[in-house]
PDB file of all heavy atoms in Angstrom:
ATOM      1  N   GLN A   1       0.824  -1.214   0.000  1.00  0.00           N
ATOM      2  CA  GLN A   1       0.000   0.000   0.000  1.00  0.00           C
ATOM      3  C   GLN A   1       0.855   1.261   0.000  1.00  0.00           C
ATOM      4  O   GLN A   1       0.424   2.293  -0.492  1.00  0.00           O
ATOM      5  CB  GLN A   1      -0.944  -0.001   1.205  1.00  0.00           C
ATOM      6  CG  GLN A   1      -2.069  -0.990   1.066  1.00  0.00           C
ATOM      7  CD  GLN A   1      -2.950  -1.070   2.311  1.00  0.00           C
ATOM      8  OE1 GLN A   1      -2.588  -0.602   3.386  1.00  0.00           O
ATOM      9  NE2 GLN A   1      -4.112  -1.678   2.154  1.00  0.00           N
ATOM     10  N   GLY A   2       2.057   1.163   0.538  1.00  0.00           N
ATOM     11  CA  GLY A   2       2.985   2.286   0.545  1.00  0.00           C
ATOM     12  C   GLY A   2       3.852   2.344  -0.702  1.00  0.00           C
ATOM     13  O   GLY A   2       4.851   3.057  -0.719  1.00  0.00           O
ATOM     14  N   GLY A   3       3.488   1.570  -1.704  1.00  0.00           N
ATOM     15  CA  GLY A   3       4.261   1.579  -2.948  1.00  0.00           C
ATOM     16  C   GLY A   3       5.650   1.001  -2.782  1.00  0.00           C
ATOM     17  O   GLY A   3       6.556   1.351  -3.520  1.00  0.00           O
ATOM     18  N   TRP A   4       5.843   0.141  -1.799  1.00  0.00           N
ATOM     19  CA  TRP A   4       7.120  -0.501  -1.482  1.00  0.00           C
ATOM     20  C   TRP A   4       8.183   0.511  -1.063  1.00  0.00           C
ATOM     21  O   TRP A   4       9.374   0.254  -1.133  1.00  0.00           O
ATOM     22  CB  TRP A   4       7.600  -1.414  -2.619  1.00  0.00           C
ATOM     23  CG  TRP A   4       6.593  -2.484  -2.871  1.00  0.00           C
ATOM     24  CD1 TRP A   4       5.617  -2.479  -3.809  1.00  0.00           C
ATOM     25  CD2 TRP A   4       6.408  -3.690  -2.112  1.00  0.00           C
ATOM     26  NE1 TRP A   4       4.829  -3.604  -3.691  1.00  0.00           N
ATOM     27  CE2 TRP A   4       5.296  -4.371  -2.655  1.00  0.00           C
ATOM     28  CE3 TRP A   4       7.063  -4.252  -1.021  1.00  0.00           C
ATOM     29  CZ2 TRP A   4       4.844  -5.583  -2.163  1.00  0.00           C
ATOM     30  CZ3 TRP A   4       6.615  -5.461  -0.529  1.00  0.00           C
ATOM     31  CH2 TRP A   4       5.509  -6.109  -1.108  1.00  0.00           C
ATOM     32  N   SER A   5       7.716   1.663  -0.595  1.00  0.00           N
ATOM     33  CA  SER A   5       8.605   2.700  -0.084  1.00  0.00           C
ATOM     34  C   SER A   5       8.687   2.551   1.434  1.00  0.00           C
ATOM     35  O   SER A   5       7.664   2.589   2.121  1.00  0.00           O
ATOM     36  CB  SER A   5       8.061   4.086  -0.433  1.00  0.00           C
ATOM     37  OG  SER A   5       8.661   5.082   0.366  1.00  0.00           O
ATOM     38  N   LEU A   6       9.909   2.414   1.948  1.00  0.00           N
ATOM     39  CA  LEU A   6      10.084   2.294   3.393  1.00  0.00           C
ATOM     40  C   LEU A   6       9.620   3.551   4.117  1.00  0.00           C
ATOM     41  O   LEU A   6       9.006   3.475   5.184  1.00  0.00           O
ATOM     42  CB  LEU A   6      11.540   1.990   3.726  1.00  0.00           C
ATOM     43  CG  LEU A   6      12.063   0.627   3.267  1.00  0.00           C
ATOM     44  CD1 LEU A   6      13.565   0.521   3.506  1.00  0.00           C
ATOM     45  CD2 LEU A   6      11.324  -0.499   3.962  1.00  0.00           C
ATOM     46  N   GLU A   7       9.901   4.705   3.551  1.00  0.00           N
ATOM     47  CA  GLU A   7       9.529   5.966   4.188  1.00  0.00           C
ATOM     48  C   GLU A   7       8.013   6.104   4.284  1.00  0.00           C
ATOM     49  O   GLU A   7       7.471   6.424   5.340  1.00  0.00           O
ATOM     50  CB  GLU A   7      10.118   7.162   3.414  1.00  0.00           C
ATOM     51  CG  GLU A   7      11.613   7.297   3.547  1.00  0.00           C
ATOM     52  CD  GLU A   7      12.413   6.334   2.657  1.00  0.00           C
ATOM     53  OE1 GLU A   7      11.827   5.652   1.784  1.00  0.00           O
ATOM     54  OE2 GLU A   7      13.635   6.242   2.866  1.00  0.00           O
ATOM     55  N   ARG A   8       7.302   5.874   3.166  1.00  0.00           N
ATOM     56  CA  ARG A   8       5.837   5.990   3.174  1.00  0.00           C
ATOM     57  C   ARG A   8       5.201   4.961   4.087  1.00  0.00           C
ATOM     58  O   ARG A   8       4.256   5.260   4.810  1.00  0.00           O
ATOM     59  CB  ARG A   8       5.281   5.827   1.759  1.00  0.00           C
ATOM     60  CG  ARG A   8       5.277   7.124   0.976  1.00  0.00           C
ATOM     61  CD  ARG A   8       4.591   6.916  -0.318  1.00  0.00           C
ATOM     62  NE  ARG A   8       5.459   6.019  -1.090  1.00  0.00           N
ATOM     63  CZ  ARG A   8       5.583   6.014  -2.400  1.00  0.00           C
ATOM     64  NH1 ARG A   8       4.844   6.803  -3.116  1.00  0.00           N
ATOM     65  NH2 ARG A   8       6.404   5.211  -3.003  1.00  0.00           N
ATOM     66  N   THR A   9       5.725   3.733   4.063  1.00  0.00           N
ATOM     67  CA  THR A   9       5.169   2.674   4.899  1.00  0.00           C
ATOM     68  C   THR A   9       5.381   2.990   6.373  1.00  0.00           C
ATOM     69  O   THR A   9       4.471   2.816   7.191  1.00  0.00           O
ATOM     70  CB  THR A   9       5.785   1.309   4.540  1.00  0.00           C
ATOM     71  OG1 THR A   9       5.565   1.068   3.141  1.00  0.00           O
ATOM     72  CG2 THR A   9       5.157   0.198   5.355  1.00  0.00           C
ATOM     73  N   ALA A  10       6.563   3.466   6.726  1.00  0.00           N
ATOM     74  CA  ALA A  10       6.834   3.838   8.116  1.00  0.00           C
ATOM     75  C   ALA A  10       5.884   4.938   8.563  1.00  0.00           C
ATOM     76  O   ALA A  10       5.347   4.900   9.676  1.00  0.00           O
ATOM     77  CB  ALA A  10       8.285   4.278   8.263  1.00  0.00           C
ATOM     78  N   GLU A  11       5.646   5.898   7.686  1.00  0.00           N
ATOM     79  CA  GLU A  11       4.720   6.988   8.008  1.00  0.00           C
ATOM     80  C   GLU A  11       3.306   6.443   8.231  1.00  0.00           C
ATOM     81  O   GLU A  11       2.635   6.829   9.185  1.00  0.00           O
ATOM     82  CB  GLU A  11       4.733   8.006   6.857  1.00  0.00           C
ATOM     83  CG  GLU A  11       3.958   9.269   7.151  1.00  0.00           C
ATOM     84  CD  GLU A  11       4.061  10.269   6.010  1.00  0.00           C
ATOM     85  OE1 GLU A  11       5.196  10.513   5.543  1.00  0.00           O
ATOM     86  OE2 GLU A  11       3.005  10.781   5.592  1.00  0.00           O
ATOM     87  N   GLN A  12       2.862   5.536   7.358  1.00  0.00           N
ATOM     88  CA  GLN A  12       1.539   4.916   7.510  1.00  0.00           C
ATOM     89  C   GLN A  12       1.421   4.189   8.842  1.00  0.00           C
ATOM     90  O   GLN A  12       0.366   4.198   9.474  1.00  0.00           O
ATOM     91  CB  GLN A  12       1.299   3.874   6.403  1.00  0.00           C
ATOM     92  CG  GLN A  12       0.950   4.402   5.063  1.00  0.00           C
ATOM     93  CD  GLN A  12       0.917   3.304   4.019  1.00  0.00           C
ATOM     94  OE1 GLN A  12       1.061   3.606   2.874  1.00  0.00           O
ATOM     95  NE2 GLN A  12       0.745   2.055   4.378  1.00  0.00           N
ATOM     96  N   LEU A  13       2.507   3.520   9.243  1.00  0.00           N
ATOM     97  CA  LEU A  13       2.505   2.738  10.481  1.00  0.00           C
ATOM     98  C   LEU A  13       2.852   3.581  11.706  1.00  0.00           C
ATOM     99  O   LEU A  13       2.964   3.041  12.812  1.00  0.00           O
ATOM    100  CB  LEU A  13       3.486   1.561  10.352  1.00  0.00           C
ATOM    101  CG  LEU A  13       3.113   0.498   9.333  1.00  0.00           C
ATOM    102  CD1 LEU A  13       4.249  -0.503   9.157  1.00  0.00           C
ATOM    103  CD2 LEU A  13       1.836  -0.218   9.757  1.00  0.00           C
ATOM    104  N   LYS A  14       3.058   4.883  11.498  1.00  0.00           N
ATOM    105  CA  LYS A  14       3.398   5.801  12.585  1.00  0.00           C
ATOM    106  C   LYS A  14       4.640   5.332  13.351  1.00  0.00           C
ATOM    107  O   LYS A  14       4.643   5.235  14.578  1.00  0.00           O
ATOM    108  CB  LYS A  14       2.208   5.986  13.522  1.00  0.00           C
ATOM    109  CG  LYS A  14       1.013   6.624  12.833  1.00  0.00           C
ATOM    110  CD  LYS A  14      -0.159   6.763  13.752  1.00  0.00           C
ATOM    111  CE  LYS A  14      -1.372   7.410  13.162  1.00  0.00           C
ATOM    112  NZ  LYS A  14      -1.622   7.432  11.781  1.00  0.00           N
ATOM    113  N   THR A  15       5.668   5.042  12.583  1.00  0.00           N
ATOM    114  CA  THR A  15       6.947   4.616  13.135  1.00  0.00           C
ATOM    115  C   THR A  15       8.054   5.252  12.310  1.00  0.00           C
ATOM    116  O   THR A  15       7.777   5.993  11.366  1.00  0.00           O
ATOM    117  CB  THR A  15       7.047   3.066  13.146  1.00  0.00           C
ATOM    118  OG1 THR A  15       8.190   2.675  13.883  1.00  0.00           O
ATOM    119  CG2 THR A  15       7.094   2.485  11.751  1.00  0.00           C
ATOM    120  N   THR A  16       9.284   4.974  12.654  1.00  0.00           N
ATOM    121  CA  THR A  16      10.388   5.517  11.870  1.00  0.00           C
ATOM    122  C   THR A  16      10.830   4.487  10.828  1.00  0.00           C
ATOM    123  O   THR A  16      10.523   3.289  10.940  1.00  0.00           O
ATOM    124  CB  THR A  16      11.602   5.844  12.764  1.00  0.00           C
ATOM    125  OG1 THR A  16      12.138   4.623  13.281  1.00  0.00           O
ATOM    126  CG2 THR A  16      11.217   6.778  13.896  1.00  0.00           C
ATOM    127  N   ARG A  17      11.557   4.961   9.855  1.00  0.00           N
ATOM    128  CA  ARG A  17      12.081   4.078   8.812  1.00  0.00           C
ATOM    129  C   ARG A  17      12.989   3.018   9.431  1.00  0.00           C
ATOM    130  O   ARG A  17      12.909   1.850   9.088  1.00  0.00           O
ATOM    131  CB  ARG A  17      12.853   4.912   7.790  1.00  0.00           C
ATOM    132  CG  ARG A  17      13.468   4.134   6.660  1.00  0.00           C
ATOM    133  CD  ARG A  17      14.202   5.090   5.716  1.00  0.00           C
ATOM    134  NE  ARG A  17      14.715   4.405   4.558  1.00  0.00           N
ATOM    135  CZ  ARG A  17      15.914   3.822   4.491  1.00  0.00           C
ATOM    136  NH1 ARG A  17      16.709   3.854   5.540  1.00  0.00           N
ATOM    137  NH2 ARG A  17      16.307   3.225   3.388  1.00  0.00           N
ATOM    138  N   ASP A  18      13.839   3.426  10.356  1.00  0.00           N
ATOM    139  CA  ASP A  18      14.760   2.472  10.994  1.00  0.00           C
ATOM    140  C   ASP A  18      14.001   1.412  11.792  1.00  0.00           C
ATOM    141  O   ASP A  18      14.346   0.228  11.754  1.00  0.00           O
ATOM    142  CB  ASP A  18      15.754   3.203  11.890  1.00  0.00           C
ATOM    143  CG  ASP A  18      16.761   4.026  11.087  1.00  0.00           C
ATOM    144  OD1 ASP A  18      16.946   3.732   9.886  1.00  0.00           O
ATOM    145  OD2 ASP A  18      17.345   4.959  11.668  1.00  0.00           O
ATOM    146  N   GLU A  19      12.968   1.834  12.516  1.00  0.00           N
ATOM    147  CA  GLU A  19      12.170   0.862  13.286  1.00  0.00           C
ATOM    148  C   GLU A  19      11.455  -0.117  12.351  1.00  0.00           C
ATOM    149  O   GLU A  19      11.342  -1.302  12.654  1.00  0.00           O
ATOM    150  CB  GLU A  19      11.177   1.586  14.192  1.00  0.00           C
ATOM    151  CG  GLU A  19      11.845   2.293  15.342  1.00  0.00           C
ATOM    152  CD  GLU A  19      10.932   3.245  16.105  1.00  0.00           C
ATOM    153  OE1 GLU A  19       9.937   3.726  15.523  1.00  0.00           O
ATOM    154  OE2 GLU A  19      11.237   3.511  17.274  1.00  0.00           O
ATOM    155  N   LEU A  20      10.988   0.396  11.212  1.00  0.00           N
ATOM    156  CA  LEU A  20      10.345  -0.484  10.231  1.00  0.00           C
ATOM    157  C   LEU A  20      11.347  -1.488   9.672  1.00  0.00           C
ATOM    158  O   LEU A  20      11.033  -2.670   9.524  1.00  0.00           O
ATOM    159  CB  LEU A  20       9.723   0.328   9.092  1.00  0.00           C
ATOM    160  CG  LEU A  20       9.128  -0.485   7.944  1.00  0.00           C
ATOM    161  CD1 LEU A  20       7.997  -1.401   8.439  1.00  0.00           C
ATOM    162  CD2 LEU A  20       8.619   0.436   6.837  1.00  0.00           C
ATOM    163  N   ILE A  21      12.538  -1.042   9.390  1.00  0.00           N
ATOM    164  CA  ILE A  21      13.571  -1.939   8.861  1.00  0.00           C
ATOM    165  C   ILE A  21      13.856  -3.065   9.854  1.00  0.00           C
ATOM    166  O   ILE A  21      13.919  -4.244   9.479  1.00  0.00           O
ATOM    167  CB  ILE A  21      14.857  -1.144   8.517  1.00  0.00           C
ATOM    168  CG1 ILE A  21      14.619  -0.295   7.269  1.00  0.00           C
ATOM    169  CG2 ILE A  21      16.050  -2.074   8.325  1.00  0.00           C
ATOM    170  CD1 ILE A  21      15.706   0.712   6.966  1.00  0.00           C
ATOM    171  N   VAL A  22      13.998  -2.729  11.120  1.00  0.00           N
ATOM    172  CA  VAL A  22      14.252  -3.750  12.136  1.00  0.00           C
ATOM    173  C   VAL A  22      13.037  -4.670  12.288  1.00  0.00           C
ATOM    174  O   VAL A  22      13.171  -5.884  12.436  1.00  0.00           O
ATOM    175  CB  VAL A  22      14.648  -3.092  13.481  1.00  0.00           C
ATOM    176  CG1 VAL A  22      14.677  -4.112  14.612  1.00  0.00           C
ATOM    177  CG2 VAL A  22      15.999  -2.405  13.334  1.00  0.00           C
ATOM    178  N   ARG A  23      11.848  -4.093  12.203  1.00  0.00           N
ATOM    179  CA  ARG A  23      10.618  -4.912  12.268  1.00  0.00           C
ATOM    180  C   ARG A  23      10.556  -5.898  11.103  1.00  0.00           C
ATOM    181  O   ARG A  23      10.184  -7.059  11.283  1.00  0.00           O
ATOM    182  CB  ARG A  23       9.408  -3.978  12.251  1.00  0.00           C
ATOM    183  CG  ARG A  23       8.088  -4.639  12.469  1.00  0.00           C
ATOM    184  CD  ARG A  23       7.000  -3.592  12.583  1.00  0.00           C
ATOM    185  NE  ARG A  23       5.689  -4.208  12.588  1.00  0.00           N
ATOM    186  CZ  ARG A  23       4.567  -3.527  12.583  1.00  0.00           C
ATOM    187  NH1 ARG A  23       4.580  -2.205  12.612  1.00  0.00           N
ATOM    188  NH2 ARG A  23       3.408  -4.165  12.558  1.00  0.00           N
ATOM    189  N   LEU A  24      10.947  -5.440   9.926  1.00  0.00           N
ATOM    190  CA  LEU A  24      10.975  -6.331   8.759  1.00  0.00           C
ATOM    191  C   LEU A  24      11.983  -7.454   8.971  1.00  0.00           C
ATOM    192  O   LEU A  24      11.705  -8.622   8.690  1.00  0.00           O
ATOM    193  CB  LEU A  24      11.307  -5.545   7.490  1.00  0.00           C
ATOM    194  CG  LEU A  24      10.202  -4.645   6.956  1.00  0.00           C
ATOM    195  CD1 LEU A  24      10.745  -3.686   5.902  1.00  0.00           C
ATOM    196  CD2 LEU A  24       9.056  -5.474   6.400  1.00  0.00           C
ATOM    197  N   ARG A  25      13.146  -7.119   9.491  1.00  0.00           N
ATOM    198  CA  ARG A  25      14.153  -8.145   9.768  1.00  0.00           C
ATOM    199  C   ARG A  25      13.630  -9.150  10.793  1.00  0.00           C
ATOM    200  O   ARG A  25      13.743 -10.350  10.611  1.00  0.00           O
ATOM    201  CB  ARG A  25      15.439  -7.507  10.277  1.00  0.00           C
ATOM    202  CG  ARG A  25      16.568  -8.550  10.401  1.00  0.00           C
ATOM    203  CD  ARG A  25      17.511  -8.372  11.536  1.00  0.00           C
ATOM    204  NE  ARG A  25      16.835  -8.180  12.801  1.00  0.00           N
ATOM    205  CZ  ARG A  25      17.286  -7.399  13.759  1.00  0.00           C
ATOM    206  NH1 ARG A  25      18.400  -6.735  13.609  1.00  0.00           N
ATOM    207  NH2 ARG A  25      16.621  -7.268  14.890  1.00  0.00           N
ATOM    208  N   ASN A  26      13.013  -8.653  11.863  1.00  0.00           N
ATOM    209  CA  ASN A  26      12.493  -9.526  12.912  1.00  0.00           C
ATOM    210  C   ASN A  26      11.358 -10.421  12.419  1.00  0.00           C
ATOM    211  O   ASN A  26      11.154 -11.511  12.955  1.00  0.00           O
ATOM    212  CB  ASN A  26      12.022  -8.710  14.117  1.00  0.00           C
ATOM    213  CG  ASN A  26      13.166  -8.046  14.839  1.00  0.00           C
ATOM    214  OD1 ASN A  26      14.331  -8.409  14.662  1.00  0.00           O
ATOM    215  ND2 ASN A  26      12.856  -7.047  15.643  1.00  0.00           N
ATOM    216  N   ALA A  27      10.648  -9.966  11.392  1.00  0.00           N
ATOM    217  CA  ALA A  27       9.561 -10.763  10.819  1.00  0.00           C
ATOM    218  C   ALA A  27      10.066 -11.783   9.800  1.00  0.00           C
ATOM    219  O   ALA A  27       9.295 -12.548   9.245  1.00  0.00           O
ATOM    220  CB  ALA A  27       8.530  -9.843  10.159  1.00  0.00           C
ATOM    221  N   GLY A  28      11.378 -11.771   9.554  1.00  0.00           N
ATOM    222  CA  GLY A  28      11.947 -12.732   8.617  1.00  0.00           C
ATOM    223  C   GLY A  28      12.125 -12.198   7.214  1.00  0.00           C
ATOM    224  O   GLY A  28      12.409 -12.949   6.283  1.00  0.00           O
ATOM    225  N   PHE A  29      11.993 -10.874   7.051  1.00  0.00           N
ATOM    226  CA  PHE A  29      12.126 -10.272   5.730  1.00  0.00           C
ATOM    227  C   PHE A  29      13.438  -9.517   5.550  1.00  0.00           C
ATOM    228  O   PHE A  29      13.577  -8.707   4.643  1.00  0.00           O
ATOM    229  CB  PHE A  29      10.954  -9.329   5.440  1.00  0.00           C
ATOM    230  CG  PHE A  29       9.634 -10.025   5.314  1.00  0.00           C
ATOM    231  CD1 PHE A  29       8.554  -9.623   6.081  1.00  0.00           C
ATOM    232  CD2 PHE A  29       9.465 -11.080   4.444  1.00  0.00           C
ATOM    233  CE1 PHE A  29       7.331 -10.254   5.973  1.00  0.00           C
ATOM    234  CE2 PHE A  29       8.248 -11.727   4.330  1.00  0.00           C
ATOM    235  CZ  PHE A  29       7.178 -11.313   5.097  1.00  0.00           C
ATOM    236  N   GLY A  30      14.404  -9.779   6.405  1.00  0.00           N
ATOM    237  CA  GLY A  30      15.686  -9.098   6.303  1.00  0.00           C
ATOM    238  C   GLY A  30      16.363  -9.320   4.963  1.00  0.00           C
ATOM    239  O   GLY A  30      17.076  -8.448   4.470  1.00  0.00           O
ATOM    240  N   TYR A  31      16.109 -10.466   4.358  1.00  0.00           N
ATOM    241  CA  TYR A  31      16.732 -10.775   3.062  1.00  0.00           C
ATOM    242  C   TYR A  31      16.250  -9.845   1.947  1.00  0.00           C
ATOM    243  O   TYR A  31      16.870  -9.764   0.881  1.00  0.00           O
ATOM    244  CB  TYR A  31      16.475 -12.240   2.678  1.00  0.00           C
ATOM    245  CG  TYR A  31      15.028 -12.558   2.416  1.00  0.00           C
ATOM    246  CD1 TYR A  31      14.490 -12.456   1.143  1.00  0.00           C
ATOM    247  CD2 TYR A  31      14.186 -12.953   3.450  1.00  0.00           C
ATOM    248  CE1 TYR A  31      13.170 -12.736   0.896  1.00  0.00           C
ATOM    249  CE2 TYR A  31      12.865 -13.246   3.219  1.00  0.00           C
ATOM    250  CZ  TYR A  31      12.350 -13.130   1.944  1.00  0.00           C
ATOM    251  OH  TYR A  31      11.026 -13.403   1.717  1.00  0.00           O
ATOM    252  N   LEU A  32      15.170  -9.126   2.176  1.00  0.00           N
ATOM    253  CA  LEU A  32      14.667  -8.190   1.169  1.00  0.00           C
ATOM    254  C   LEU A  32      15.459  -6.881   1.144  1.00  0.00           C
ATOM    255  O   LEU A  32      15.346  -6.110   0.205  1.00  0.00           O
ATOM    256  CB  LEU A  32      13.192  -7.858   1.433  1.00  0.00           C
ATOM    257  CG  LEU A  32      12.195  -9.012   1.314  1.00  0.00           C
ATOM    258  CD1 LEU A  32      10.808  -8.555   1.732  1.00  0.00           C
ATOM    259  CD2 LEU A  32      12.178  -9.556  -0.107  1.00  0.00           C
ATOM    260  N   LEU A  33      16.232  -6.666   2.204  1.00  0.00           N
ATOM    261  CA  LEU A  33      16.972  -5.415   2.334  1.00  0.00           C
ATOM    262  C   LEU A  33      18.471  -5.663   2.191  1.00  0.00           C
ATOM    263  O   LEU A  33      18.968  -6.721   2.568  1.00  0.00           O
ATOM    264  CB  LEU A  33      16.685  -4.793   3.702  1.00  0.00           C
ATOM    265  CG  LEU A  33      15.203  -4.523   3.985  1.00  0.00           C
ATOM    266  CD1 LEU A  33      14.984  -4.271   5.457  1.00  0.00           C
ATOM    267  CD2 LEU A  33      14.715  -3.354   3.150  1.00  0.00           C
ATOM    268  N   LYS A  34      19.161  -4.674   1.675  1.00  0.00           N
ATOM    269  CA  LYS A  34      20.617  -4.792   1.565  1.00  0.00           C
ATOM    270  C   LYS A  34      21.227  -4.779   2.961  1.00  0.00           C
ATOM    271  O   LYS A  34      20.730  -4.107   3.862  1.00  0.00           O
ATOM    272  CB  LYS A  34      21.175  -3.665   0.715  1.00  0.00           C
ATOM    273  CG  LYS A  34      20.691  -3.754  -0.716  1.00  0.00           C
ATOM    274  CD  LYS A  34      21.453  -2.832  -1.606  1.00  0.00           C
ATOM    275  CE  LYS A  34      20.868  -2.969  -2.986  1.00  0.00           C
ATOM    276  NZ  LYS A  34      21.782  -3.032  -4.022  1.00  0.00           N
ATOM    277  N   GLU A  35      22.295  -5.526   3.120  1.00  0.00           N
ATOM    278  CA  GLU A  35      22.932  -5.690   4.429  1.00  0.00           C
ATOM    279  C   GLU A  35      23.346  -4.352   5.039  1.00  0.00           C
ATOM    280  O   GLU A  35      23.150  -4.125   6.232  1.00  0.00           O
ATOM    281  CB  GLU A  35      24.142  -6.626   4.301  1.00  0.00           C
ATOM    282  CG  GLU A  35      24.749  -7.012   5.618  1.00  0.00           C
ATOM    283  CD  GLU A  35      23.826  -7.844   6.510  1.00  0.00           C
ATOM    284  OE1 GLU A  35      22.989  -8.604   5.983  1.00  0.00           O
ATOM    285  OE2 GLU A  35      23.942  -7.720   7.732  1.00  0.00           O
ATOM    286  N   HIS A  36      23.889  -3.455   4.231  1.00  0.00           N
ATOM    287  CA  HIS A  36      24.333  -2.162   4.779  1.00  0.00           C
ATOM    288  C   HIS A  36      23.151  -1.317   5.253  1.00  0.00           C
ATOM    289  O   HIS A  36      23.282  -0.534   6.192  1.00  0.00           O
ATOM    290  CB  HIS A  36      25.212  -1.401   3.769  1.00  0.00           C
ATOM    291  CG  HIS A  36      24.463  -0.797   2.629  1.00  0.00           C
ATOM    292  ND1 HIS A  36      24.125  -1.507   1.490  1.00  0.00           N
ATOM    293  CD2 HIS A  36      23.973   0.455   2.459  1.00  0.00           C
ATOM    294  CE1 HIS A  36      23.469  -0.713   0.667  1.00  0.00           C
ATOM    295  NE2 HIS A  36      23.350   0.468   1.226  1.00  0.00           N
ATOM    296  N   VAL A  37      21.989  -1.464   4.638  1.00  0.00           N
ATOM    297  CA  VAL A  37      20.789  -0.738   5.067  1.00  0.00           C
ATOM    298  C   VAL A  37      20.335  -1.261   6.433  1.00  0.00           C
ATOM    299  O   VAL A  37      20.024  -0.481   7.339  1.00  0.00           O
ATOM    300  CB  VAL A  37      19.660  -0.881   4.017  1.00  0.00           C
ATOM    301  CG1 VAL A  37      18.353  -0.298   4.525  1.00  0.00           C
ATOM    302  CG2 VAL A  37      20.078  -0.223   2.705  1.00  0.00           C
ATOM    303  N   LEU A  38      20.336  -2.581   6.584  1.00  0.00           N
ATOM    304  CA  LEU A  38      19.974  -3.195   7.872  1.00  0.00           C
ATOM    305  C   LEU A  38      20.921  -2.754   8.982  1.00  0.00           C
ATOM    306  O   LEU A  38      20.481  -2.336  10.055  1.00  0.00           O
ATOM    307  CB  LEU A  38      20.035  -4.721   7.750  1.00  0.00           C
ATOM    308  CG  LEU A  38      18.781  -5.453   7.347  1.00  0.00           C
ATOM    309  CD1 LEU A  38      19.089  -6.916   7.080  1.00  0.00           C
ATOM    310  CD2 LEU A  38      17.722  -5.316   8.390  1.00  0.00           C
TER     311      LEU A  38
END
């Protein structure tokens, strides 16, 4: 729904981009992100 944009999705979820990235990793989706971004 956020167009696969981390910034827009974080805003929709009322969180920060970094918190969303960690949440994605914790949910098992870390492989979708580049290692340096994580």
